[in-house]
PDB file of N, CA and C in Angstrom:
ATOM      1  N   UNK A   1      59.245 142.225  91.263  1.00  0.00           N
ATOM      2  CA  UNK A   1      57.841 142.244  91.262  1.00  0.00           C
ATOM      3  C   UNK A   1      57.301 142.353  92.395  1.00  0.00           C
ATOM      4  N   UNK A   2      56.429 143.195  92.156  1.00  0.00           N
ATOM      5  CA  UNK A   2      55.211 143.328  93.188  1.00  0.00           C
ATOM      6  C   UNK A   2      54.629 142.832  93.753  1.00  0.00           C
ATOM      7  N   UNK A   3      54.190 143.015  95.023  1.00  0.00           N
ATOM      8  CA  UNK A   3      53.117 142.290  95.333  1.00  0.00           C
ATOM      9  C   UNK A   3      52.279 141.695  94.457  1.00  0.00           C
ATOM     10  N   UNK A   4      51.517 142.364  93.912  1.00  0.00           N
ATOM     11  CA  UNK A   4      50.370 141.899  92.927  1.00  0.00           C
ATOM     12  C   UNK A   4      50.107 141.237  92.193  1.00  0.00           C
ATOM     13  N   UNK A   5      52.094 141.127  91.592  1.00  0.00           N
ATOM     14  CA  UNK A   5      52.341 140.531  90.596  1.00  0.00           C
ATOM     15  C   UNK A   5      52.590 139.078  91.146  1.00  0.00           C
ATOM     16  N   UNK A   6      53.285 138.755  92.159  1.00  0.00           N
ATOM     17  CA  UNK A   6      53.296 137.458  92.516  1.00  0.00           C
ATOM     18  C   UNK A   6      51.889 136.998  93.102  1.00  0.00           C
ATOM     19  N   UNK A   7      51.768 137.993  94.000  1.00  0.00           N
ATOM     20  CA  UNK A   7      49.448 136.704  94.160  1.00  0.00           C
ATOM     21  C   UNK A   7      49.293 136.517  92.907  1.00  0.00           C
ATOM     22  N   UNK A   8      49.177 136.677  91.891  1.00  0.00           N
ATOM     23  CA  UNK A   8      48.370 136.731  90.371  1.00  0.00           C
ATOM     24  C   UNK A   8      49.331 135.637  90.375  1.00  0.00           C
ATOM     25  N   UNK A   9      51.236 135.050  90.324  1.00  0.00           N
ATOM     26  CA  UNK A   9      51.664 133.989  90.120  1.00  0.00           C
ATOM     27  C   UNK A   9      51.102 133.363  91.212  1.00  0.00           C
ATOM     28  N   UNK A  10      51.273 133.342  92.096  1.00  0.00           N
ATOM     29  CA  UNK A  10      50.629 132.452  92.096  1.00  0.00           C
ATOM     30  C   UNK A  10      49.457 131.457  92.518  1.00  0.00           C
ATOM     31  N   UNK A  11      48.589 132.508  91.873  1.00  0.00           N
ATOM     32  CA  UNK A  11      47.345 131.418  91.579  1.00  0.00           C
ATOM     33  C   UNK A  11      47.448 130.542  90.277  1.00  0.00           C
ATOM     34  N   UNK A  12      48.068 131.575  89.529  1.00  0.00           N
ATOM     35  CA  UNK A  12      47.969 130.879  88.209  1.00  0.00           C
ATOM     36  C   UNK A  12      49.103 128.912  88.378  1.00  0.00           C
ATOM     37  N   UNK A  13      49.869 129.098  89.344  1.00  0.00           N
ATOM     38  CA  UNK A  13      50.829 127.889  89.862  1.00  0.00           C
ATOM     39  C   UNK A  13      49.620 127.221  90.837  1.00  0.00           C
ATOM     40  N   UNK A  14      48.626 127.916  91.544  1.00  0.00           N
ATOM     41  CA  UNK A  14      47.600 126.843  92.082  1.00  0.00           C
ATOM     42  C   UNK A  14      47.798 124.699  92.007  1.00  0.00           C
ATOM     43  N   UNK A  15      47.303 126.048  90.111  1.00  0.00           N
ATOM     44  CA  UNK A  15      47.032 124.045  89.496  1.00  0.00           C
ATOM     45  C   UNK A  15      48.024 123.506  88.729  1.00  0.00           C
ATOM     46  N   UNK A  16      49.090 124.027  88.482  1.00  0.00           N
ATOM     47  CA  UNK A  16      49.645 123.416  88.616  1.00  0.00           C
ATOM     48  C   UNK A  16      50.931 122.664  89.455  1.00  0.00           C
ATOM     49  N   UNK A  17      51.358 121.540  88.707  1.00  0.00           N
ATOM     50  CA  UNK A  17      51.750 120.151  89.037  1.00  0.00           C
ATOM     51  C   UNK A  17      53.701 120.356  89.337  1.00  0.00           C
ATOM     52  N   UNK A  18      54.094 119.587  90.953  1.00  0.00           N
ATOM     53  CA  UNK A  18      55.845 119.873  90.619  1.00  0.00           C
ATOM     54  C   UNK A  18      55.906 118.488  89.467  1.00  0.00           C
ATOM     55  N   UNK A  19      57.332 119.336  88.944  1.00  0.00           N
ATOM     56  CA  UNK A  19      57.597 118.441  87.643  1.00  0.00           C
ATOM     57  C   UNK A  19      58.982 118.185  87.995  1.00  0.00           C
ATOM     58  N   UNK A  20      59.811 118.311  89.306  1.00  0.00           N
ATOM     59  CA  UNK A  20      61.080 118.362  90.065  1.00  0.00           C
ATOM     60  C   UNK A  20      60.661 118.300  90.931  1.00  0.00           C
ATOM     61  N   UNK A  21      61.614 117.014  91.352  1.00  0.00           N
ATOM     62  CA  UNK A  21      61.808 116.555  92.754  1.00  0.00           C
ATOM     63  C   UNK A  21      64.157 116.948  93.028  1.00  0.00           C
ATOM     64  N   UNK A  22      63.749 117.375  94.249  1.00  0.00           N
ATOM     65  CA  UNK A  22      65.751 117.380  95.147  1.00  0.00           C
ATOM     66  C   UNK A  22      65.356 116.694  96.369  1.00  0.00           C
ATOM     67  N   UNK A  23      66.414 115.464  95.978  1.00  0.00           N
ATOM     68  CA  UNK A  23      66.125 114.194  97.030  1.00  0.00           C
ATOM     69  C   UNK A  23      67.398 114.373  97.840  1.00  0.00           C
ATOM     70  N   UNK A  24      68.062 113.416  98.176  1.00  0.00           N
ATOM     71  CA  UNK A  24      69.988 113.329  98.844  1.00  0.00           C
ATOM     72  C   UNK A  24      70.559 113.432  98.393  1.00  0.00           C
ATOM     73  N   UNK A  25      71.100 113.729  97.013  1.00  0.00           N
ATOM     74  CA  UNK A  25      71.866 114.383  96.101  1.00  0.00           C
ATOM     75  C   UNK A  25      71.961 115.737  96.094  1.00  0.00           C
ATOM     76  N   UNK A  26      71.025 116.668  96.412  1.00  0.00           N
ATOM     77  CA  UNK A  26      70.848 118.199  96.992  1.00  0.00           C
ATOM     78  C   UNK A  26      70.239 118.750  94.929  1.00  0.00           C
ATOM     79  N   UNK A  27      70.784 119.597  94.931  1.00  0.00           N
ATOM     80  CA  UNK A  27      71.064 120.720  94.250  1.00  0.00           C
ATOM     81  C   UNK A  27      72.479 120.379  92.854  1.00  0.00           C
ATOM     82  N   UNK A  28      72.538 119.968  91.969  1.00  0.00           N
ATOM     83  CA  UNK A  28      73.585 119.349  91.302  1.00  0.00           C
ATOM     84  C   UNK A  28      73.762 120.173  89.834  1.00  0.00           C
ATOM     85  N   UNK A  29      74.939 120.468  88.688  1.00  0.00           N
ATOM     86  CA  UNK A  29      74.770 121.102  88.064  1.00  0.00           C
ATOM     87  C   UNK A  29      74.068 120.445  86.984  1.00  0.00           C
ATOM     88  N   UNK A  30      73.643 119.483  87.003  1.00  0.00           N
ATOM     89  CA  UNK A  30      72.401 119.209  86.687  1.00  0.00           C
ATOM     90  C   UNK A  30      71.168 119.721  85.701  1.00  0.00           C
ATOM     91  N   UNK A  31      70.477 119.597  87.979  1.00  0.00           N
ATOM     92  CA  UNK A  31      69.619 119.642  88.067  1.00  0.00           C
ATOM     93  C   UNK A  31      69.119 121.253  87.989  1.00  0.00           C
ATOM     94  N   UNK A  32      70.245 122.381  88.067  1.00  0.00           N
ATOM     95  CA  UNK A  32      70.247 123.878  87.874  1.00  0.00           C
ATOM     96  C   UNK A  32      69.928 123.692  85.967  1.00  0.00           C
ATOM     97  N   UNK A  33      70.513 122.975  85.045  1.00  0.00           N
ATOM     98  CA  UNK A  33      70.298 123.019  84.027  1.00  0.00           C
ATOM     99  C   UNK A  33      68.701 122.863  83.700  1.00  0.00           C
ATOM    100  N   UNK A  34      68.304 121.733  83.714  1.00  0.00           N
ATOM    101  CA  UNK A  34      67.541 121.098  83.416  1.00  0.00           C
ATOM    102  C   UNK A  34      66.485 122.088  84.329  1.00  0.00           C
ATOM    103  N   UNK A  35      66.714 122.970  85.177  1.00  0.00           N
ATOM    104  CA  UNK A  35      65.302 123.715  85.835  1.00  0.00           C
ATOM    105  C   UNK A  35      65.469 125.047  85.061  1.00  0.00           C
ATOM    106  N   UNK A  36      66.590 125.397  84.612  1.00  0.00           N
ATOM    107  CA  UNK A  36      67.104 126.626  83.767  1.00  0.00           C
ATOM    108  C   UNK A  36      66.185 126.022  82.180  1.00  0.00           C
ATOM    109  N   UNK A  37      66.172 125.031  81.667  1.00  0.00           N
ATOM    110  CA  UNK A  37      65.372 124.526  80.176  1.00  0.00           C
ATOM    111  C   UNK A  37      64.224 124.160  81.074  1.00  0.00           C
ATOM    112  N   UNK A  38      63.704 123.832  81.988  1.00  0.00           N
ATOM    113  CA  UNK A  38      61.362 123.953  82.259  1.00  0.00           C
ATOM    114  C   UNK A  38      61.677 125.844  82.576  1.00  0.00           C
ATOM    115  N   UNK A  39      62.296 126.042  83.046  1.00  0.00           N
ATOM    116  CA  UNK A  39      61.842 127.787  83.611  1.00  0.00           C
ATOM    117  C   UNK A  39      61.640 128.649  81.746  1.00  0.00           C
ATOM    118  N   UNK A  40      63.067 127.936  80.791  1.00  0.00           N
ATOM    119  CA  UNK A  40      62.643 128.608  79.292  1.00  0.00           C
ATOM    120  C   UNK A  40      61.082 128.349  79.111  1.00  0.00           C
ATOM    121  N   UNK A  41      60.639 127.043  78.990  1.00  0.00           N
ATOM    122  CA  UNK A  41      59.818 126.474  77.876  1.00  0.00           C
ATOM    123  C   UNK A  41      58.665 126.273  78.977  1.00  0.00           C
ATOM    124  N   UNK A  42      58.229 126.951  79.817  1.00  0.00           N
ATOM    125  CA  UNK A  42      57.476 126.993  81.024  1.00  0.00           C
ATOM    126  C   UNK A  42      57.065 128.163  81.896  1.00  0.00           C
ATOM    127  N   UNK A  43      58.026 128.709  82.057  1.00  0.00           N
ATOM    128  CA  UNK A  43      58.177 130.098  82.526  1.00  0.00           C
ATOM    129  C   UNK A  43      57.667 130.133  84.331  1.00  0.00           C
ATOM    130  N   UNK A  44      56.639 129.561  84.401  1.00  0.00           N
ATOM    131  CA  UNK A  44      56.456 129.036  86.169  1.00  0.00           C
ATOM    132  C   UNK A  44      55.946 128.153  86.019  1.00  0.00           C
ATOM    133  N   UNK A  45      57.090 127.345  87.306  1.00  0.00           N
ATOM    134  CA  UNK A  45      57.125 125.652  87.478  1.00  0.00           C
ATOM    135  C   UNK A  45      57.674 125.628  89.409  1.00  0.00           C
ATOM    136  N   UNK A  46      56.768 123.853  89.677  1.00  0.00           N
ATOM    137  CA  UNK A  46      57.005 123.708  91.282  1.00  0.00           C
ATOM    138  C   UNK A  46      57.906 122.575  90.840  1.00  0.00           C
ATOM    139  N   UNK A  47      58.441 122.383  91.668  1.00  0.00           N
ATOM    140  CA  UNK A  47      59.772 121.574  92.304  1.00  0.00           C
ATOM    141  C   UNK A  47      58.914 120.951  93.627  1.00  0.00           C
ATOM    142  N   UNK A  48      58.650 119.542  94.263  1.00  0.00           N
ATOM    143  CA  UNK A  48      58.890 119.349  95.705  1.00  0.00           C
ATOM    144  C   UNK A  48      59.997 118.857  95.688  1.00  0.00           C
ATOM    145  N   UNK A  49      60.562 119.161  97.219  1.00  0.00           N
ATOM    146  CA  UNK A  49      61.767 119.099  98.100  1.00  0.00           C
ATOM    147  C   UNK A  49      61.864 117.381  98.612  1.00  0.00           C
ATOM    148  N   UNK A  50      61.984 116.309  98.668  1.00  0.00           N
ATOM    149  CA  UNK A  50      61.533 115.196  99.609  1.00  0.00           C
ATOM    150  C   UNK A  50      62.300 115.180 100.918  1.00  0.00           C
ATOM    151  N   UNK A  51      61.964 114.461 101.803  1.00  0.00           N
ATOM    152  CA  UNK A  51      62.162 115.149 103.261  1.00  0.00           C
ATOM    153  C   UNK A  51      64.300 114.391 103.103  1.00  0.00           C
ATOM    154  N   UNK A  52      64.656 113.634 102.226  1.00  0.00           N
ATOM    155  CA  UNK A  52      65.666 113.315 102.822  1.00  0.00           C
ATOM    156  C   UNK A  52      66.718 114.218 102.143  1.00  0.00           C
ATOM    157  N   UNK A  53      66.675 115.117 101.720  1.00  0.00           N
ATOM    158  CA  UNK A  53      67.208 116.379 101.111  1.00  0.00           C
ATOM    159  C   UNK A  53      68.067 116.828 101.498  1.00  0.00           C
ATOM    160  N   UNK A  54      69.108 117.846 101.811  1.00  0.00           N
ATOM    161  CA  UNK A  54      69.893 118.236 102.706  1.00  0.00           C
ATOM    162  C   UNK A  54      69.772 119.135 103.735  1.00  0.00           C
ATOM    163  N   UNK A  55      68.979 120.175 102.638  1.00  0.00           N
ATOM    164  CA  UNK A  55      68.814 121.551 103.384  1.00  0.00           C
ATOM    165  C   UNK A  55      67.156 121.633 103.687  1.00  0.00           C
ATOM    166  N   UNK A  56      66.811 122.746 103.937  1.00  0.00           N
ATOM    167  CA  UNK A  56      64.846 123.050 103.928  1.00  0.00           C
ATOM    168  C   UNK A  56      64.873 123.982 102.611  1.00  0.00           C
ATOM    169  N   UNK A  57      63.067 122.913 102.500  1.00  0.00           N
ATOM    170  CA  UNK A  57      62.844 124.561 100.943  1.00  0.00           C
ATOM    171  C   UNK A  57      63.082 125.582 100.917  1.00  0.00           C
ATOM    172  N   UNK A  58      63.167 126.092 101.964  1.00  0.00           N
ATOM    173  CA  UNK A  58      62.911 127.461 101.587  1.00  0.00           C
ATOM    174  C   UNK A  58      65.246 127.772 101.067  1.00  0.00           C
ATOM    175  N   UNK A  59      66.246 127.216 101.651  1.00  0.00           N
ATOM    176  CA  UNK A  59      67.219 127.398 101.615  1.00  0.00           C
ATOM    177  C   UNK A  59      67.633 127.369 100.146  1.00  0.00           C
ATOM    178  N   UNK A  60      67.125 125.639  99.821  1.00  0.00           N
ATOM    179  CA  UNK A  60      67.149 125.092  98.170  1.00  0.00           C
ATOM    180  C   UNK A  60      66.705 125.819  97.636  1.00  0.00           C
ATOM    181  N   UNK A  61      65.321 126.726  97.711  1.00  0.00           N
ATOM    182  CA  UNK A  61      64.735 127.330  96.825  1.00  0.00           C
ATOM    183  C   UNK A  61      65.698 128.547  96.458  1.00  0.00           C
ATOM    184  N   UNK A  62      65.995 129.448  97.346  1.00  0.00           N
ATOM    185  CA  UNK A  62      67.216 130.390  97.377  1.00  0.00           C
ATOM    186  C   UNK A  62      68.110 130.017  96.606  1.00  0.00           C
ATOM    187  N   UNK A  63      68.647 128.940  96.399  1.00  0.00           N
ATOM    188  CA  UNK A  63      70.371 128.558  96.420  1.00  0.00           C
ATOM    189  C   UNK A  63      69.737 127.981  94.566  1.00  0.00           C
ATOM    190  N   UNK A  64      68.673 127.607  93.956  1.00  0.00           N
ATOM    191  CA  UNK A  64      67.769 127.300  92.893  1.00  0.00           C
ATOM    192  C   UNK A  64      67.690 128.210  92.663  1.00  0.00           C
ATOM    193  N   UNK A  65      67.185 129.120  92.818  1.00  0.00           N
ATOM    194  CA  UNK A  65      66.675 130.616  91.900  1.00  0.00           C
ATOM    195  C   UNK A  65      67.750 131.756  91.433  1.00  0.00           C
ATOM    196  N   UNK A  66      69.027 131.364  92.696  1.00  0.00           N
ATOM    197  CA  UNK A  66      70.379 131.888  91.996  1.00  0.00           C
ATOM    198  C   UNK A  66      71.119 131.474  90.617  1.00  0.00           C
ATOM    199  N   UNK A  67      71.311 130.177  90.765  1.00  0.00           N
ATOM    200  CA  UNK A  67      71.268 129.590  89.974  1.00  0.00           C
ATOM    201  C   UNK A  67      71.000 129.578  88.664  1.00  0.00           C
ATOM    202  N   UNK A  68      69.486 129.849  88.343  1.00  0.00           N
ATOM    203  CA  UNK A  68      68.305 130.033  87.286  1.00  0.00           C
ATOM    204  C   UNK A  68      68.596 131.142  87.343  1.00  0.00           C
ATOM    205  N   UNK A  69      68.651 131.605  87.726  1.00  0.00           N
ATOM    206  CA  UNK A  69      68.226 133.337  87.132  1.00  0.00           C
ATOM    207  C   UNK A  69      66.928 133.336  87.872  1.00  0.00           C
ATOM    208  N   UNK A  70      65.885 132.826  88.642  1.00  0.00           N
ATOM    209  CA  UNK A  70      64.587 133.069  88.307  1.00  0.00           C
ATOM    210  C   UNK A  70      64.632 133.567  89.882  1.00  0.00           C
ATOM    211  N   UNK A  71      63.059 133.810  89.867  1.00  0.00           N
ATOM    212  CA  UNK A  71      62.731 134.222  91.045  1.00  0.00           C
ATOM    213  C   UNK A  71      61.416 133.657  92.283  1.00  0.00           C
ATOM    214  N   UNK A  72      62.169 133.479  93.223  1.00  0.00           N
ATOM    215  CA  UNK A  72      61.369 132.034  94.318  1.00  0.00           C
ATOM    216  C   UNK A  72      59.924 133.130  93.926  1.00  0.00           C
ATOM    217  N   UNK A  73      58.409 132.523  93.793  1.00  0.00           N
ATOM    218  CA  UNK A  73      57.520 133.023  93.932  1.00  0.00           C
ATOM    219  C   UNK A  73      56.381 132.480  95.357  1.00  0.00           C
ATOM    220  N   UNK A  74      57.153 131.533  95.862  1.00  0.00           N
ATOM    221  CA  UNK A  74      56.975 130.659  97.147  1.00  0.00           C
ATOM    222  C   UNK A  74      57.107 129.996  97.862  1.00  0.00           C
ATOM    223  N   UNK A  75      56.907 129.218  98.979  1.00  0.00           N
ATOM    224  CA  UNK A  75      58.126 127.967  99.206  1.00  0.00           C
ATOM    225  C   UNK A  75      56.858 127.663 100.528  1.00  0.00           C
ATOM    226  N   UNK A  76      56.180 126.689  99.917  1.00  0.00           N
ATOM    227  CA  UNK A  76      55.049 126.296 100.995  1.00  0.00           C
ATOM    228  C   UNK A  76      55.313 124.508 101.141  1.00  0.00           C
ATOM    229  N   UNK A  77      55.517 124.929 102.180  1.00  0.00           N
ATOM    230  CA  UNK A  77      55.900 123.309 103.565  1.00  0.00           C
ATOM    231  C   UNK A  77      56.915 122.902 102.587  1.00  0.00           C
ATOM    232  N   UNK A  78      56.621 121.657 101.865  1.00  0.00           N
ATOM    233  CA  UNK A  78      57.899 121.230 100.448  1.00  0.00           C
ATOM    234  C   UNK A  78      57.671 121.426  99.383  1.00  0.00           C
ATOM    235  N   UNK A  79      57.142 122.538  98.947  1.00  0.00           N
ATOM    236  CA  UNK A  79      57.057 122.896  97.336  1.00  0.00           C
ATOM    237  C   UNK A  79      57.444 124.187  97.372  1.00  0.00           C
ATOM    238  N   UNK A  80      58.324 123.998  96.005  1.00  0.00           N
ATOM    239  CA  UNK A  80      59.156 125.624  95.671  1.00  0.00           C
ATOM    240  C   UNK A  80      58.471 126.248  94.599  1.00  0.00           C
ATOM    241  N   UNK A  81      57.943 127.224  94.330  1.00  0.00           N
ATOM    242  CA  UNK A  81      57.732 127.564  93.082  1.00  0.00           C
ATOM    243  C   UNK A  81      58.671 128.636  92.326  1.00  0.00           C
ATOM    244  N   UNK A  82      58.697 128.459  91.597  1.00  0.00           N
ATOM    245  CA  UNK A  82      59.850 129.365  90.759  1.00  0.00           C
ATOM    246  C   UNK A  82      59.149 130.381  89.326  1.00  0.00           C
ATOM    247  N   UNK A  83      59.570 131.460  89.068  1.00  0.00           N
ATOM    248  CA  UNK A  83      59.673 132.002  87.722  1.00  0.00           C
ATOM    249  C   UNK A  83      60.118 132.854  87.091  1.00  0.00           C
ATOM    250  N   UNK A  84      60.482 132.325  85.735  1.00  0.00           N
ATOM    251  CA  UNK A  84      61.917 133.529  85.143  1.00  0.00           C
ATOM    252  C   UNK A  84      60.254 133.528  83.791  1.00  0.00           C
ATOM    253  N   UNK A  85      61.032 135.522  83.285  1.00  0.00           N
ATOM    254  CA  UNK A  85      60.002 135.281  82.020  1.00  0.00           C
ATOM    255  C   UNK A  85      60.792 134.615  80.813  1.00  0.00           C
ATOM    256  N   UNK A  86      59.926 134.124  79.960  1.00  0.00           N
ATOM    257  CA  UNK A  86      60.996 134.364  78.808  1.00  0.00           C
ATOM    258  C   UNK A  86      61.655 135.030  77.782  1.00  0.00           C
ATOM    259  N   UNK A  87      61.890 135.204  77.528  1.00  0.00           N
ATOM    260  CA  UNK A  87      62.947 136.333  76.652  1.00  0.00           C
ATOM    261  C   UNK A  87      62.050 136.690  75.077  1.00  0.00           C
ATOM    262  N   UNK A  88      61.733 135.478  74.917  1.00  0.00           N
ATOM    263  CA  UNK A  88      60.110 136.377  73.400  1.00  0.00           C
ATOM    264  C   UNK A  88      59.126 135.037  73.736  1.00  0.00           C
ATOM    265  N   UNK A  89      57.946 135.747  73.368  1.00  0.00           N
ATOM    266  CA  UNK A  89      56.778 135.235  73.731  1.00  0.00           C
ATOM    267  C   UNK A  89      56.142 134.868  74.657  1.00  0.00           C
ATOM    268  N   UNK A  90      56.228 135.631  75.779  1.00  0.00           N
ATOM    269  CA  UNK A  90      56.110 135.413  76.664  1.00  0.00           C
ATOM    270  C   UNK A  90      54.716 134.908  77.167  1.00  0.00           C
ATOM    271  N   UNK A  91      53.601 134.120  78.412  1.00  0.00           N
ATOM    272  CA  UNK A  91      52.612 134.415  78.302  1.00  0.00           C
ATOM    273  C   UNK A  91      51.928 135.448  79.246  1.00  0.00           C
ATOM    274  N   UNK A  92      53.530 135.540  79.845  1.00  0.00           N
ATOM    275  CA  UNK A  92      52.963 136.652  81.420  1.00  0.00           C
ATOM    276  C   UNK A  92      53.493 138.277  80.768  1.00  0.00           C
ATOM    277  N   UNK A  93      53.143 138.715  79.550  1.00  0.00           N
ATOM    278  CA  UNK A  93      54.174 140.325  78.823  1.00  0.00           C
ATOM    279  C   UNK A  93      53.362 140.706  79.655  1.00  0.00           C
ATOM    280  N   UNK A  94      51.873 140.629  80.495  1.00  0.00           N
ATOM    281  CA  UNK A  94      51.336 141.947  81.131  1.00  0.00           C
ATOM    282  C   UNK A  94      52.319 142.311  82.718  1.00  0.00           C
ATOM    283  N   UNK A  95      53.342 141.325  82.956  1.00  0.00           N
ATOM    284  CA  UNK A  95      54.018 141.570  84.166  1.00  0.00           C
ATOM    285  C   UNK A  95      55.289 142.041  84.275  1.00  0.00           C
TER     286      UNK A  95
END
């Protein structure tokens, strides 16, 4: 993904609210499954990392991206933005 594509997605993500939280339980198989389903439905999602999470947001972002086969768009503070293009009828066909 190019830096221009990433910048475009950051701009789109600016307007969306986080839909998941990672807390003291960390990353579980159930969370990965739910995130994967959400990525298939929305393509671009935000996640909040709570203060009691077992790891830093950047490390969690990489682990989640690997588990969901998605790309980390940005990590700012305790917010993670992920993107995975839908197989059919993507609203981001220009990427």
